[in-house]
Amino acid sequence: MKIRKSVAAIAMAGSALFVATACSSEDVDEATSKVSTAVESAASEVSTAAGDAIDEVTGLSDSRAQDILRKAVDPATPADEIDTVVDTSEPATKAAVIAFAKGSSVAGYTPEVYTVKDVSKDGDKQAVAMVSVASPHAPAPVDIKLTYVDADGGWKLSADAVTQLAGMATGR
């Protein structure tokens, strides 16, 4: 619904520009400026509405997945906050992600090297994120897939994703 209204606003703005061309040069410049502003605003609304629609389908946005991942792999994240971003229903998961964050950070894999590129829904309570990892030891980033789960009322990095990350750190 938001997208249709925004497209209609863009069409109306374009019509206003067309009508304004019959006026004086100053009027045209002023109308052009107003129309440009309206078009930019409407385009921004369309982009935001499209992003919101995607988030409603997947339940997890790229930026939210990014925040979760970076908090999970940040050695500065307090242990009591790990539970908010990682599914710690398996007791060993919490210790594994904390150890990974500390060890990988020392090796140059700070939270900033992880960039979520895309999130897609994978069932009712699961999503898969394509993550680009910019290795400090390789010329080009490497893409990996990490799983997120909807647990305890929010999205979290899955225990499987933690196992995958820890396995990469140990060379398995």
N, C-alpha and C. Protein backbone atom coordinates (compact mmCIF):
# COMPACT_ATOMS: atom_id res chain seq x y z
N MET A 1 0.82 -1.18 0.00
CA MET A 1 0.00 0.00 0.00
C MET A 1 0.87 1.25 0.00
N LYS A 2 1.94 1.28 0.83
CA LYS A 2 2.82 2.43 0.89
C LYS A 2 3.51 2.65 -0.45
N ILE A 3 3.85 1.57 -1.11
CA ILE A 3 4.56 1.67 -2.38
C ILE A 3 3.65 2.33 -3.42
N ARG A 4 2.38 1.94 -3.48
CA ARG A 4 1.47 2.54 -4.44
C ARG A 4 1.30 4.03 -4.21
N LYS A 5 1.18 4.45 -2.95
CA LYS A 5 1.03 5.87 -2.64
C LYS A 5 2.28 6.63 -3.05
N SER A 6 3.44 6.05 -2.81
CA SER A 6 4.69 6.72 -3.17
C SER A 6 4.84 6.85 -4.68
N VAL A 7 4.47 5.82 -5.41
CA VAL A 7 4.53 5.88 -6.86
C VAL A 7 3.56 6.94 -7.38
N ALA A 8 2.40 7.03 -6.77
CA ALA A 8 1.42 8.05 -7.16
C ALA A 8 1.99 9.44 -6.90
N ALA A 9 2.70 9.61 -5.80
CA ALA A 9 3.32 10.91 -5.48
C ALA A 9 4.36 11.28 -6.52
N ILE A 10 5.13 10.31 -6.96
CA ILE A 10 6.14 10.55 -7.99
C ILE A 10 5.46 10.98 -9.30
N ALA A 11 4.37 10.30 -9.66
CA ALA A 11 3.64 10.64 -10.89
C ALA A 11 3.06 12.04 -10.80
N MET A 12 2.51 12.40 -9.65
CA MET A 12 1.95 13.74 -9.48
C MET A 12 3.05 14.79 -9.56
N ALA A 13 4.20 14.49 -8.99
CA ALA A 13 5.31 15.44 -9.03
C ALA A 13 5.76 15.66 -10.48
N GLY A 14 5.81 14.59 -11.23
CA GLY A 14 6.18 14.70 -12.64
C GLY A 14 5.16 15.53 -13.41
N SER A 15 3.88 15.35 -13.12
CA SER A 15 2.83 16.14 -13.78
C SER A 15 2.98 17.61 -13.44
N ALA A 16 3.31 17.90 -12.21
CA ALA A 16 3.49 19.30 -11.80
C ALA A 16 4.63 19.93 -12.57
N LEU A 17 5.68 19.19 -12.80
CA LEU A 17 6.81 19.71 -13.57
C LEU A 17 6.38 20.01 -15.01
N PHE A 18 5.59 19.13 -15.58
CA PHE A 18 5.11 19.30 -16.95
C PHE A 18 4.27 20.57 -17.07
N VAL A 19 3.38 20.78 -16.10
CA VAL A 19 2.51 21.95 -16.10
C VAL A 19 3.34 23.21 -15.88
N ALA A 20 4.35 23.12 -15.04
CA ALA A 20 5.17 24.29 -14.71
C ALA A 20 5.99 24.78 -15.89
N THR A 21 6.24 23.95 -16.86
CA THR A 21 7.06 24.37 -18.00
C THR A 21 6.38 25.44 -18.83
N ALA A 22 5.08 25.62 -18.66
CA ALA A 22 4.35 26.66 -19.40
C ALA A 22 4.49 28.02 -18.73
N CYS A 23 5.09 28.08 -17.54
CA CYS A 23 5.25 29.32 -16.78
C CYS A 23 6.58 29.98 -17.11
N SER A 24 6.86 31.09 -16.42
CA SER A 24 8.12 31.82 -16.65
C SER A 24 9.32 30.99 -16.21
N SER A 25 10.51 31.44 -16.57
CA SER A 25 11.75 30.74 -16.28
C SER A 25 11.96 30.58 -14.78
N GLU A 26 11.71 31.66 -14.00
CA GLU A 26 11.88 31.60 -12.55
C GLU A 26 10.89 30.61 -11.95
N ASP A 27 9.66 30.66 -12.42
CA ASP A 27 8.64 29.73 -11.93
C ASP A 27 9.03 28.29 -12.24
N VAL A 28 9.59 28.08 -13.42
CA VAL A 28 10.01 26.73 -13.81
C VAL A 28 11.12 26.24 -12.91
N ASP A 29 12.11 27.12 -12.63
CA ASP A 29 13.22 26.73 -11.75
C ASP A 29 12.73 26.38 -10.36
N GLU A 30 11.81 27.20 -9.84
CA GLU A 30 11.27 26.95 -8.52
C GLU A 30 10.45 25.65 -8.51
N ALA A 31 9.63 25.48 -9.53
CA ALA A 31 8.82 24.26 -9.63
C ALA A 31 9.71 23.03 -9.78
N THR A 32 10.76 23.18 -10.60
CA THR A 32 11.68 22.06 -10.81
C THR A 32 12.33 21.66 -9.49
N SER A 33 12.74 22.65 -8.72
CA SER A 33 13.36 22.39 -7.42
C SER A 33 12.39 21.66 -6.49
N LYS A 34 11.16 22.15 -6.42
CA LYS A 34 10.16 21.53 -5.56
C LYS A 34 9.83 20.11 -6.02
N VAL A 35 9.73 19.93 -7.32
CA VAL A 35 9.42 18.61 -7.87
C VAL A 35 10.58 17.65 -7.58
N SER A 36 11.81 18.13 -7.77
CA SER A 36 12.98 17.27 -7.50
C SER A 36 12.98 16.82 -6.06
N THR A 37 12.70 17.74 -5.14
CA THR A 37 12.65 17.40 -3.72
C THR A 37 11.54 16.38 -3.46
N ALA A 38 10.39 16.59 -4.07
CA ALA A 38 9.27 15.66 -3.88
C ALA A 38 9.58 14.29 -4.44
N VAL A 39 10.23 14.26 -5.60
CA VAL A 39 10.57 12.97 -6.22
C VAL A 39 11.59 12.24 -5.36
N GLU A 40 12.61 12.95 -4.87
CA GLU A 40 13.62 12.32 -4.01
C GLU A 40 12.97 11.76 -2.75
N SER A 41 12.06 12.53 -2.16
CA SER A 41 11.37 12.09 -0.95
C SER A 41 10.52 10.86 -1.23
N ALA A 42 9.78 10.89 -2.33
CA ALA A 42 8.92 9.76 -2.68
C ALA A 42 9.76 8.52 -2.98
N ALA A 43 10.88 8.70 -3.68
CA ALA A 43 11.75 7.56 -3.99
C ALA A 43 12.30 6.95 -2.71
N SER A 44 12.65 7.80 -1.76
CA SER A 44 13.14 7.32 -0.47
C SER A 44 12.06 6.51 0.25
N GLU A 45 10.81 7.02 0.19
CA GLU A 45 9.70 6.30 0.82
C GLU A 45 9.47 4.95 0.16
N VAL A 46 9.58 4.89 -1.16
CA VAL A 46 9.42 3.63 -1.89
C VAL A 46 10.49 2.65 -1.45
N SER A 47 11.74 3.12 -1.38
CA SER A 47 12.85 2.26 -0.97
C SER A 47 12.64 1.74 0.45
N THR A 48 12.24 2.62 1.35
CA THR A 48 12.00 2.22 2.74
C THR A 48 10.85 1.22 2.82
N ALA A 49 9.77 1.48 2.09
CA ALA A 49 8.62 0.58 2.10
C ALA A 49 8.99 -0.78 1.55
N ALA A 50 9.80 -0.81 0.49
CA ALA A 50 10.23 -2.08 -0.08
C ALA A 50 11.08 -2.84 0.92
N GLY A 51 11.98 -2.15 1.60
CA GLY A 51 12.81 -2.79 2.62
C GLY A 51 11.98 -3.33 3.77
N ASP A 52 10.98 -2.54 4.20
CA ASP A 52 10.09 -2.98 5.27
C ASP A 52 9.30 -4.22 4.85
N ALA A 53 8.87 -4.26 3.59
CA ALA A 53 8.11 -5.42 3.09
C ALA A 53 8.99 -6.67 3.11
N ILE A 54 10.24 -6.53 2.71
CA ILE A 54 11.16 -7.68 2.74
C ILE A 54 11.37 -8.14 4.17
N ASP A 55 11.56 -7.20 5.10
CA ASP A 55 11.76 -7.55 6.50
C ASP A 55 10.55 -8.28 7.08
N GLU A 56 9.33 -7.88 6.64
CA GLU A 56 8.13 -8.56 7.11
C GLU A 56 8.10 -10.01 6.65
N VAL A 57 8.60 -10.27 5.46
CA VAL A 57 8.59 -11.64 4.94
C VAL A 57 9.64 -12.49 5.66
N THR A 58 10.87 -11.98 5.77
CA THR A 58 11.93 -12.77 6.39
C THR A 58 11.90 -12.67 7.91
N GLY A 59 11.45 -11.53 8.41
CA GLY A 59 11.44 -11.34 9.85
C GLY A 59 12.79 -10.86 10.38
N LEU A 60 13.80 -10.86 9.53
CA LEU A 60 15.14 -10.45 9.94
C LEU A 60 15.76 -9.62 8.82
N SER A 61 16.07 -8.37 9.12
CA SER A 61 16.68 -7.50 8.12
C SER A 61 18.18 -7.73 8.06
N ASP A 62 18.78 -7.30 6.96
CA ASP A 62 20.23 -7.41 6.81
C ASP A 62 20.94 -6.65 7.93
N SER A 63 20.46 -5.44 8.21
CA SER A 63 21.12 -4.62 9.23
C SER A 63 20.98 -5.23 10.62
N ARG A 64 19.83 -5.81 10.93
CA ARG A 64 19.65 -6.46 12.24
C ARG A 64 20.55 -7.69 12.33
N ALA A 65 20.62 -8.48 11.26
CA ALA A 65 21.50 -9.66 11.26
C ALA A 65 22.95 -9.21 11.45
N GLN A 66 23.32 -8.10 10.82
CA GLN A 66 24.66 -7.53 10.95
C GLN A 66 24.94 -7.18 12.41
N ASP A 67 24.02 -6.48 13.05
CA ASP A 67 24.19 -6.08 14.45
C ASP A 67 24.34 -7.30 15.36
N ILE A 68 23.51 -8.31 15.14
CA ILE A 68 23.57 -9.53 15.94
C ILE A 68 24.93 -10.20 15.78
N LEU A 69 25.37 -10.38 14.55
CA LEU A 69 26.64 -11.06 14.29
C LEU A 69 27.81 -10.30 14.90
N ARG A 70 27.85 -9.00 14.66
CA ARG A 70 28.99 -8.22 15.17
C ARG A 70 29.02 -8.20 16.69
N LYS A 71 27.88 -8.18 17.32
CA LYS A 71 27.86 -8.22 18.79
C LYS A 71 28.32 -9.59 19.28
N ALA A 72 27.92 -10.64 18.57
CA ALA A 72 28.30 -12.00 18.97
C ALA A 72 29.81 -12.24 18.85
N VAL A 73 30.45 -11.66 17.83
CA VAL A 73 31.88 -11.91 17.60
C VAL A 73 32.78 -10.82 18.19
N ASP A 74 32.19 -9.92 18.94
CA ASP A 74 32.96 -8.85 19.57
C ASP A 74 33.44 -9.31 20.95
N PRO A 75 34.76 -9.38 21.16
CA PRO A 75 35.26 -9.83 22.46
C PRO A 75 34.87 -8.88 23.61
N ALA A 76 34.46 -7.67 23.29
CA ALA A 76 34.05 -6.71 24.32
C ALA A 76 32.61 -6.91 24.79
N THR A 77 31.87 -7.77 24.12
CA THR A 77 30.48 -8.04 24.53
C THR A 77 30.49 -8.82 25.84
N PRO A 78 29.85 -8.29 26.88
CA PRO A 78 29.80 -9.01 28.16
C PRO A 78 29.10 -10.37 28.02
N ALA A 79 29.56 -11.33 28.78
CA ALA A 79 29.02 -12.70 28.70
C ALA A 79 27.51 -12.73 28.92
N ASP A 80 26.99 -11.88 29.82
CA ASP A 80 25.54 -11.90 30.07
C ASP A 80 24.73 -11.34 28.90
N GLU A 81 25.38 -10.62 27.98
CA GLU A 81 24.67 -10.10 26.80
C GLU A 81 24.73 -11.06 25.61
N ILE A 82 25.59 -12.06 25.68
CA ILE A 82 25.68 -13.04 24.59
C ILE A 82 24.34 -13.74 24.39
N ASP A 83 23.64 -14.00 25.48
CA ASP A 83 22.34 -14.68 25.40
C ASP A 83 21.32 -13.91 24.57
N THR A 84 21.49 -12.61 24.42
CA THR A 84 20.53 -11.80 23.65
C THR A 84 20.77 -11.90 22.15
N VAL A 85 21.96 -12.35 21.74
CA VAL A 85 22.28 -12.41 20.31
C VAL A 85 22.66 -13.81 19.80
N VAL A 86 22.83 -14.76 20.71
CA VAL A 86 23.19 -16.12 20.32
C VAL A 86 22.24 -17.10 21.00
N ASP A 87 21.79 -18.10 20.25
CA ASP A 87 20.94 -19.15 20.81
C ASP A 87 21.83 -20.03 21.68
N THR A 88 21.72 -19.83 22.98
CA THR A 88 22.57 -20.56 23.93
C THR A 88 21.82 -21.68 24.63
N SER A 89 20.82 -22.23 23.94
CA SER A 89 20.06 -23.34 24.54
C SER A 89 20.95 -24.58 24.71
N GLU A 90 22.02 -24.67 23.92
CA GLU A 90 23.04 -25.70 24.14
C GLU A 90 24.13 -25.07 24.99
N PRO A 91 24.41 -25.62 26.17
CA PRO A 91 25.33 -24.98 27.11
C PRO A 91 26.73 -24.66 26.55
N ALA A 92 27.26 -25.47 25.69
CA ALA A 92 28.62 -25.24 25.17
C ALA A 92 28.70 -24.07 24.18
N THR A 93 27.57 -23.65 23.65
CA THR A 93 27.55 -22.60 22.64
C THR A 93 28.08 -21.28 23.17
N LYS A 94 27.67 -20.90 24.36
CA LYS A 94 28.09 -19.62 24.92
C LYS A 94 29.61 -19.56 25.08
N ALA A 95 30.17 -20.60 25.67
CA ALA A 95 31.63 -20.64 25.85
C ALA A 95 32.34 -20.64 24.50
N ALA A 96 31.78 -21.34 23.52
CA ALA A 96 32.40 -21.43 22.19
C ALA A 96 32.42 -20.08 21.50
N VAL A 97 31.32 -19.33 21.56
CA VAL A 97 31.28 -18.03 20.88
C VAL A 97 32.18 -17.01 21.58
N ILE A 98 32.26 -17.07 22.89
CA ILE A 98 33.15 -16.16 23.62
C ILE A 98 34.61 -16.47 23.28
N ALA A 99 34.96 -17.75 23.26
CA ALA A 99 36.33 -18.14 22.90
C ALA A 99 36.64 -17.75 21.45
N PHE A 100 35.69 -17.96 20.55
CA PHE A 100 35.89 -17.59 19.15
C PHE A 100 36.12 -16.08 19.04
N ALA A 101 35.30 -15.29 19.71
CA ALA A 101 35.41 -13.83 19.62
C ALA A 101 36.80 -13.37 20.08
N LYS A 102 37.27 -13.92 21.17
CA LYS A 102 38.58 -13.52 21.69
C LYS A 102 39.70 -13.97 20.76
N GLY A 103 39.67 -15.22 20.35
CA GLY A 103 40.74 -15.76 19.50
C GLY A 103 40.76 -15.15 18.11
N SER A 104 39.60 -15.00 17.51
CA SER A 104 39.56 -14.47 16.15
C SER A 104 39.93 -12.99 16.11
N SER A 105 39.58 -12.26 17.14
CA SER A 105 39.92 -10.85 17.20
C SER A 105 41.44 -10.66 17.26
N VAL A 106 42.10 -11.50 18.04
CA VAL A 106 43.57 -11.45 18.13
C VAL A 106 44.20 -11.74 16.77
N ALA A 107 43.56 -12.61 15.99
CA ALA A 107 44.07 -12.98 14.67
C ALA A 107 43.70 -11.96 13.58
N GLY A 108 43.03 -10.87 13.97
CA GLY A 108 42.69 -9.83 13.01
C GLY A 108 41.26 -9.88 12.50
N TYR A 109 40.49 -10.84 12.97
CA TYR A 109 39.09 -10.97 12.55
C TYR A 109 38.20 -10.22 13.55
N THR A 110 38.26 -8.90 13.48
CA THR A 110 37.46 -8.05 14.36
C THR A 110 36.02 -8.02 13.84
N PRO A 111 35.08 -7.55 14.64
CA PRO A 111 33.68 -7.54 14.19
C PRO A 111 33.45 -6.83 12.86
N GLU A 112 34.28 -5.86 12.53
CA GLU A 112 34.09 -5.08 11.30
C GLU A 112 34.36 -5.87 10.02
N VAL A 113 35.04 -7.01 10.12
CA VAL A 113 35.34 -7.78 8.89
C VAL A 113 34.14 -8.60 8.42
N TYR A 114 33.10 -8.68 9.25
CA TYR A 114 31.90 -9.45 8.90
C TYR A 114 30.83 -8.50 8.37
N THR A 115 30.39 -8.74 7.12
CA THR A 115 29.36 -7.90 6.51
C THR A 115 28.23 -8.80 5.98
N VAL A 116 27.05 -8.62 6.54
CA VAL A 116 25.88 -9.36 6.07
C VAL A 116 25.44 -8.75 4.75
N LYS A 117 25.41 -9.58 3.71
CA LYS A 117 25.04 -9.11 2.37
C LYS A 117 23.57 -9.35 2.06
N ASP A 118 23.02 -10.44 2.59
CA ASP A 118 21.65 -10.80 2.25
C ASP A 118 21.11 -11.78 3.28
N VAL A 119 19.83 -11.66 3.59
CA VAL A 119 19.16 -12.59 4.51
C VAL A 119 17.95 -13.16 3.80
N SER A 120 17.78 -14.47 3.90
CA SER A 120 16.60 -15.10 3.31
C SER A 120 15.96 -16.02 4.33
N LYS A 121 14.66 -16.12 4.24
CA LYS A 121 13.89 -16.97 5.15
C LYS A 121 14.16 -18.43 4.83
N ASP A 122 14.26 -19.24 5.87
CA ASP A 122 14.48 -20.67 5.71
C ASP A 122 13.60 -21.41 6.72
N GLY A 123 12.31 -21.46 6.43
CA GLY A 123 11.37 -22.07 7.35
C GLY A 123 10.70 -21.01 8.20
N ASP A 124 9.93 -21.46 9.19
CA ASP A 124 9.17 -20.52 10.02
C ASP A 124 10.03 -19.74 11.00
N LYS A 125 11.01 -20.39 11.59
CA LYS A 125 11.79 -19.75 12.64
C LYS A 125 13.28 -19.77 12.35
N GLN A 126 13.63 -19.73 11.07
CA GLN A 126 15.04 -19.77 10.70
C GLN A 126 15.29 -18.89 9.48
N ALA A 127 16.45 -18.28 9.45
CA ALA A 127 16.87 -17.47 8.31
C ALA A 127 18.34 -17.76 8.04
N VAL A 128 18.74 -17.59 6.79
CA VAL A 128 20.13 -17.80 6.40
C VAL A 128 20.67 -16.47 5.88
N ALA A 129 21.83 -16.10 6.41
CA ALA A 129 22.47 -14.85 5.98
C ALA A 129 23.73 -15.17 5.19
N MET A 130 23.88 -14.50 4.06
CA MET A 130 25.13 -14.57 3.30
C MET A 130 26.03 -13.50 3.90
N VAL A 131 27.17 -13.93 4.41
CA VAL A 131 28.08 -13.02 5.10
C VAL A 131 29.41 -12.98 4.37
N SER A 132 29.88 -11.79 4.12
CA SER A 132 31.19 -11.59 3.50
C SER A 132 32.19 -11.37 4.64
N VAL A 133 33.27 -12.17 4.62
CA VAL A 133 34.31 -12.06 5.64
C VAL A 133 35.57 -11.55 4.96
N ALA A 134 35.98 -10.34 5.33
CA ALA A 134 37.18 -9.73 4.77
C ALA A 134 38.38 -10.18 5.60
N SER A 135 39.04 -11.22 5.15
CA SER A 135 40.17 -11.77 5.87
C SER A 135 41.37 -10.83 5.81
N PRO A 136 42.02 -10.65 6.95
CA PRO A 136 43.24 -9.83 6.92
C PRO A 136 44.40 -10.58 6.25
N HIS A 137 44.19 -11.85 5.92
CA HIS A 137 45.25 -12.69 5.36
C HIS A 137 44.99 -13.11 3.91
N ALA A 138 43.91 -12.61 3.31
CA ALA A 138 43.57 -12.99 1.94
C ALA A 138 43.25 -11.73 1.14
N PRO A 139 43.48 -11.77 -0.16
CA PRO A 139 43.24 -10.57 -0.97
C PRO A 139 41.76 -10.22 -1.18
N ALA A 140 40.90 -11.21 -1.12
CA ALA A 140 39.47 -10.95 -1.39
C ALA A 140 38.62 -11.55 -0.27
N PRO A 141 37.47 -10.92 0.01
CA PRO A 141 36.57 -11.46 1.03
C PRO A 141 36.05 -12.85 0.63
N VAL A 142 35.67 -13.60 1.63
CA VAL A 142 35.11 -14.93 1.43
C VAL A 142 33.66 -14.88 1.91
N ASP A 143 32.74 -15.45 1.12
CA ASP A 143 31.34 -15.49 1.52
C ASP A 143 31.03 -16.80 2.24
N ILE A 144 30.33 -16.68 3.36
CA ILE A 144 29.87 -17.85 4.11
C ILE A 144 28.39 -17.66 4.41
N LYS A 145 27.71 -18.77 4.68
CA LYS A 145 26.30 -18.71 5.07
C LYS A 145 26.21 -19.05 6.55
N LEU A 146 25.53 -18.18 7.29
CA LEU A 146 25.31 -18.41 8.71
C LEU A 146 23.81 -18.44 8.98
N THR A 147 23.41 -19.32 9.87
CA THR A 147 22.01 -19.50 10.20
C THR A 147 21.64 -18.71 11.45
N TYR A 148 20.47 -18.11 11.38
CA TYR A 148 19.89 -17.40 12.52
C TYR A 148 18.58 -18.10 12.87
N VAL A 149 18.23 -18.06 14.15
CA VAL A 149 16.97 -18.67 14.59
C VAL A 149 16.15 -17.65 15.36
N ASP A 150 14.84 -17.79 15.26
CA ASP A 150 13.92 -16.96 16.02
C ASP A 150 13.67 -17.72 17.32
N ALA A 151 14.35 -17.30 18.39
CA ALA A 151 14.26 -17.99 19.67
C ALA A 151 14.05 -16.99 20.79
N ASP A 152 13.26 -17.36 21.76
CA ASP A 152 12.99 -16.51 22.92
C ASP A 152 12.48 -15.12 22.53
N GLY A 153 11.69 -15.06 21.47
CA GLY A 153 11.08 -13.80 21.07
C GLY A 153 11.95 -12.88 20.24
N GLY A 154 13.08 -13.37 19.74
CA GLY A 154 13.92 -12.52 18.92
C GLY A 154 14.88 -13.34 18.07
N TRP A 155 15.49 -12.69 17.08
CA TRP A 155 16.43 -13.38 16.21
C TRP A 155 17.80 -13.46 16.87
N LYS A 156 18.42 -14.63 16.72
CA LYS A 156 19.73 -14.88 17.30
C LYS A 156 20.57 -15.70 16.35
N LEU A 157 21.88 -15.57 16.49
CA LEU A 157 22.80 -16.42 15.75
C LEU A 157 22.62 -17.84 16.27
N SER A 158 22.51 -18.81 15.38
CA SER A 158 22.24 -20.18 15.81
C SER A 158 23.48 -20.85 16.39
N ALA A 159 23.25 -21.91 17.16
CA ALA A 159 24.35 -22.71 17.70
C ALA A 159 25.15 -23.33 16.56
N ASP A 160 24.47 -23.71 15.47
CA ASP A 160 25.17 -24.27 14.31
C ASP A 160 26.12 -23.25 13.69
N ALA A 161 25.69 -21.99 13.65
CA ALA A 161 26.55 -20.92 13.10
C ALA A 161 27.79 -20.74 13.97
N VAL A 162 27.62 -20.82 15.28
CA VAL A 162 28.76 -20.71 16.20
C VAL A 162 29.72 -21.87 15.98
N THR A 163 29.18 -23.08 15.83
CA THR A 163 30.02 -24.25 15.55
C THR A 163 30.77 -24.06 14.24
N GLN A 164 30.08 -23.54 13.23
CA GLN A 164 30.71 -23.29 11.94
C GLN A 164 31.86 -22.29 12.08
N LEU A 165 31.63 -21.19 12.77
CA LEU A 165 32.67 -20.18 12.97
C LEU A 165 33.85 -20.75 13.75
N ALA A 166 33.55 -21.46 14.81
CA ALA A 166 34.62 -22.06 15.63
C ALA A 166 35.42 -23.07 14.82
N GLY A 167 34.74 -23.82 13.96
CA GLY A 167 35.42 -24.80 13.10
C GLY A 167 36.34 -24.12 12.10
N MET A 168 35.95 -22.96 11.61
CA MET A 168 36.80 -22.21 10.68
C MET A 168 38.05 -21.72 11.39
N ALA A 169 37.91 -21.36 12.65
CA ALA A 169 39.04 -20.84 13.42
C ALA A 169 40.06 -21.94 13.73
N THR A 170 39.58 -23.17 13.85
CA THR A 170 40.49 -24.27 14.17
C THR A 170 40.95 -24.99 12.91
N GLY A 171 40.46 -24.55 11.76
CA GLY A 171 40.88 -25.14 10.48
C GLY A 171 40.19 -26.43 10.12
N ARG A 172 39.04 -26.68 10.74
CA ARG A 172 38.29 -27.91 10.44
C ARG A 172 37.38 -27.73 9.27
